[in-house]
Amino acid sequence: MRNPLLISFLLLYAALPCDDAGAQATLTKCTCHVADESSTEDKDGSRAVNATLCVQQLDKNRHWCEVTIECLRGRIGPDCSSMPKDAQELGDLFRTHIEQLRLEQSPAAKEMIEKSKDTFASIYGATKYDADTYAKCFDALQARKEINLKGSNQLSCLATSEGSATVKIDAPPYVIIYSFDDQIK
């Protein structure tokens, strides 16, 4: 039997352009956008419809991303915890992401795996020096308050009143994105 995380990749769908130029996507978890972040339309990329915890490694130069899903709605998956209280635990989620990439390597994933030590060092630095930014993001998610923060180092966070949070860490040449959704059904 295959790992349920690998099967969950089947849930990734290409995002289609919106018919209504003002329409906003209702699910923004695990989107892989290489366009300007100020864009409000889903023009290209992918999304995981029912993921509640996932890790995305985006290579903007290649217009490519690798996504691993740690938990699906209904608490299906090996790690169905919510957003960790300690920012340093993001490193553990990244290690799990790399282990999943090792199981079913794409050509892009091979390079991501080879550079994972450097990427992990970037994640460690960002979570260490932007721990206060992360803590504010964690508190906002718990309180279901909207917040958009950019730390002084490489970490940024967006939490919504609907109970989701996205934490981005610049780890050149990649961007590591953690998506958390506390609306586990």
Protein backbone atom coordinates (compact mmCIF):
# COMPACT_ATOMS: atom_id res chain seq x y z
CA MET A 1 0.00 0.00 0.00
CA ARG A 2 1.31 3.45 -0.87
CA ASN A 3 1.89 6.17 1.67
CA PRO A 4 -1.31 8.29 2.03
CA LEU A 5 0.80 11.42 1.68
CA LEU A 6 1.97 10.39 -1.75
CA ILE A 7 -1.56 9.56 -2.81
CA SER A 8 -2.62 12.99 -1.62
CA PHE A 9 -0.62 14.52 -4.44
CA LEU A 10 -3.52 13.48 -6.62
CA LEU A 11 -5.49 16.18 -4.84
CA LEU A 12 -3.33 18.92 -6.33
CA TYR A 13 -5.17 20.72 -9.08
CA ALA A 14 -4.06 23.36 -11.52
CA ALA A 15 -5.60 26.67 -10.56
CA LEU A 16 -7.66 28.12 -13.39
CA PRO A 17 -8.10 31.81 -14.19
CA CYS A 18 -11.15 33.34 -12.57
CA ASP A 19 -14.05 34.24 -14.86
CA ASP A 20 -14.76 37.31 -12.75
CA ALA A 21 -11.68 39.55 -12.55
CA GLY A 22 -12.63 40.57 -9.01
CA ALA A 23 -13.21 37.04 -7.73
CA GLN A 24 -10.96 35.73 -4.99
CA ALA A 25 -10.10 32.09 -4.50
CA THR A 26 -11.72 30.69 -1.39
CA LEU A 27 -8.94 28.17 -0.67
CA THR A 28 -5.45 29.59 -0.74
CA LYS A 29 -3.57 26.80 1.01
CA CYS A 30 -0.62 25.33 -0.88
CA THR A 31 -0.87 27.61 -3.89
CA CYS A 32 2.25 27.80 -5.99
CA HIS A 33 2.27 31.23 -7.52
CA VAL A 34 5.25 32.54 -9.42
CA ALA A 35 3.47 35.74 -10.44
CA ASP A 36 3.56 39.00 -8.54
CA GLU A 37 2.25 38.39 -5.01
CA SER A 38 0.01 41.46 -5.26
CA SER A 39 -2.10 39.68 -7.87
CA THR A 40 -5.54 38.67 -6.56
CA GLU A 41 -6.36 36.20 -9.34
CA ASP A 42 -5.33 32.57 -9.52
CA LYS A 43 -3.61 32.54 -12.91
CA ASP A 44 -1.40 29.49 -12.61
CA GLY A 45 -0.13 27.08 -10.01
CA SER A 46 -1.76 24.42 -7.93
CA ARG A 47 -3.61 24.00 -4.69
CA ALA A 48 -4.46 21.26 -2.25
CA VAL A 49 -8.18 21.48 -1.67
CA ASN A 50 -8.43 19.76 1.69
CA ALA A 51 -4.94 20.09 3.16
CA THR A 52 -4.74 21.38 6.70
CA LEU A 53 -0.95 21.22 7.11
CA CYS A 54 1.48 21.22 4.24
CA VAL A 55 4.97 22.31 3.26
CA GLN A 56 5.76 23.85 -0.10
CA GLN A 57 9.20 24.40 -1.57
CA LEU A 58 9.02 26.90 -4.41
CA ASP A 59 11.74 27.50 -7.00
CA LYS A 60 10.72 30.76 -8.67
CA ASN A 61 13.50 30.50 -11.25
CA ARG A 62 12.09 27.23 -12.58
CA HIS A 63 8.42 28.08 -11.97
CA TRP A 64 8.26 24.82 -10.04
CA CYS A 65 7.21 23.74 -6.59
CA GLU A 66 7.19 20.55 -4.58
CA VAL A 67 4.39 20.18 -2.04
CA THR A 68 4.11 17.62 0.73
CA ILE A 69 0.86 17.29 2.62
CA GLU A 70 1.18 16.39 6.28
CA CYS A 71 -2.50 16.38 7.16
CA LEU A 72 -5.83 16.35 5.35
CA ARG A 73 -9.21 17.40 6.72
CA GLY A 74 -10.54 14.71 9.00
CA ARG A 75 -7.10 14.35 10.60
CA ILE A 76 -5.82 11.98 7.93
CA GLY A 77 -2.03 11.85 7.74
CA PRO A 78 1.05 11.25 9.87
CA ASP A 79 1.33 14.73 11.41
CA CYS A 80 -2.04 16.29 12.09
CA SER A 81 -0.84 18.78 14.63
CA SER A 82 -1.66 22.40 14.07
CA MET A 83 0.83 25.24 13.83
CA PRO A 84 3.69 24.54 16.26
CA LYS A 85 4.01 27.03 19.12
CA ASP A 86 7.82 27.05 18.82
CA ALA A 87 9.12 28.38 15.49
CA GLN A 88 12.10 26.02 15.64
CA GLU A 89 9.70 23.10 15.07
CA LEU A 90 9.31 24.30 11.47
CA GLY A 91 12.68 22.63 10.88
CA ASP A 92 11.13 19.27 11.79
CA LEU A 93 8.35 19.81 9.27
CA PHE A 94 10.96 20.67 6.63
CA ARG A 95 12.88 17.45 7.41
CA THR A 96 9.67 15.46 6.91
CA HIS A 97 9.12 17.30 3.61
CA ILE A 98 12.61 16.31 2.40
CA GLU A 99 12.06 12.68 3.43
CA GLN A 100 8.86 12.59 1.38
CA LEU A 101 10.69 14.08 -1.62
CA ARG A 102 13.27 11.29 -1.34
CA LEU A 103 10.51 8.68 -1.80
CA GLU A 104 9.26 9.95 -5.17
CA GLN A 105 11.91 12.22 -6.63
CA SER A 106 11.20 14.52 -9.51
CA PRO A 107 14.21 16.02 -11.32
CA ALA A 108 13.63 19.31 -9.47
CA ALA A 109 13.28 17.51 -6.14
CA LYS A 110 16.71 15.92 -6.55
CA GLU A 111 18.35 19.35 -6.49
CA MET A 112 16.14 20.45 -3.59
CA ILE A 113 17.26 17.40 -1.63
CA GLU A 114 20.92 18.07 -2.44
CA LYS A 115 20.59 21.67 -1.21
CA SER A 116 18.47 20.76 1.82
CA LYS A 117 21.31 21.29 4.32
CA ASP A 118 21.73 24.90 3.17
CA THR A 119 17.95 25.38 3.06
CA PHE A 120 17.62 24.02 6.59
CA ALA A 121 20.31 26.48 7.76
CA SER A 122 18.23 29.34 6.29
CA ILE A 123 15.11 28.05 8.01
CA TYR A 124 16.95 27.75 11.32
CA GLY A 125 18.29 31.31 11.04
CA ALA A 126 14.92 32.76 10.10
CA THR A 127 13.07 30.99 12.90
CA LYS A 128 15.74 31.96 15.43
CA TYR A 129 15.97 35.65 14.53
CA ASP A 130 12.30 36.16 13.67
CA ALA A 131 10.92 34.15 16.60
CA ASP A 132 8.96 37.18 17.85
CA THR A 133 7.25 37.59 14.46
CA TYR A 134 6.38 33.89 14.48
CA ALA A 135 5.01 34.10 18.04
CA LYS A 136 2.71 36.97 17.03
CA CYS A 137 1.52 34.91 14.06
CA PHE A 138 0.86 31.88 16.27
CA ASP A 139 -1.13 34.02 18.73
CA ALA A 140 -3.15 35.57 15.87
CA LEU A 141 -4.03 32.12 14.52
CA GLN A 142 -5.13 30.93 17.96
CA ALA A 143 -7.28 34.07 18.39
CA ARG A 144 -8.50 33.90 14.77
CA LYS A 145 -7.33 37.43 14.07
CA GLU A 146 -6.04 38.74 10.79
CA ILE A 147 -2.38 39.66 10.77
CA ASN A 148 0.23 40.23 8.07
CA LEU A 149 3.79 40.50 9.37
CA LYS A 150 7.24 40.58 7.87
CA GLY A 151 10.11 39.84 10.23
CA SER A 152 13.44 41.63 10.15
CA ASN A 153 15.14 38.54 8.77
CA GLN A 154 13.57 36.12 6.24
CA LEU A 155 10.26 35.12 7.81
CA SER A 156 6.82 36.51 7.01
CA CYS A 157 3.39 35.46 8.18
CA LEU A 158 -0.23 35.87 7.18
CA ALA A 159 -3.00 34.70 9.51
CA THR A 160 -6.71 34.95 8.72
CA SER A 161 -9.83 35.27 10.83
CA GLU A 162 -11.03 32.01 9.25
CA GLY A 163 -8.37 30.04 11.13
CA SER A 164 -5.53 29.61 8.65
CA ALA A 165 -1.94 30.82 8.62
CA THR A 166 0.83 30.87 6.04
CA VAL A 167 4.45 31.23 7.10
CA LYS A 168 7.00 32.02 4.37
CA ILE A 169 10.75 31.76 4.73
CA ASP A 170 13.13 32.99 2.06
CA ALA A 171 15.84 30.34 1.70
CA PRO A 172 17.52 31.26 -1.62
CA PRO A 173 17.11 29.95 -4.22
CA TYR A 174 13.87 28.68 -2.67
CA VAL A 175 10.90 29.98 -0.76
CA ILE A 176 9.61 27.60 1.90
CA ILE A 177 5.92 28.00 2.68
CA TYR A 178 4.12 26.36 5.57
CA SER A 179 0.32 26.33 5.42
CA PHE A 180 -1.69 25.66 8.55
CA ASP A 181 -5.46 25.38 8.83
CA ASP A 182 -7.09 25.01 12.23
CA GLN A 183 -10.44 24.24 10.62
CA ILE A 184 -9.87 20.50 10.77
CA LYS A 185 -13.22 18.82 10.12
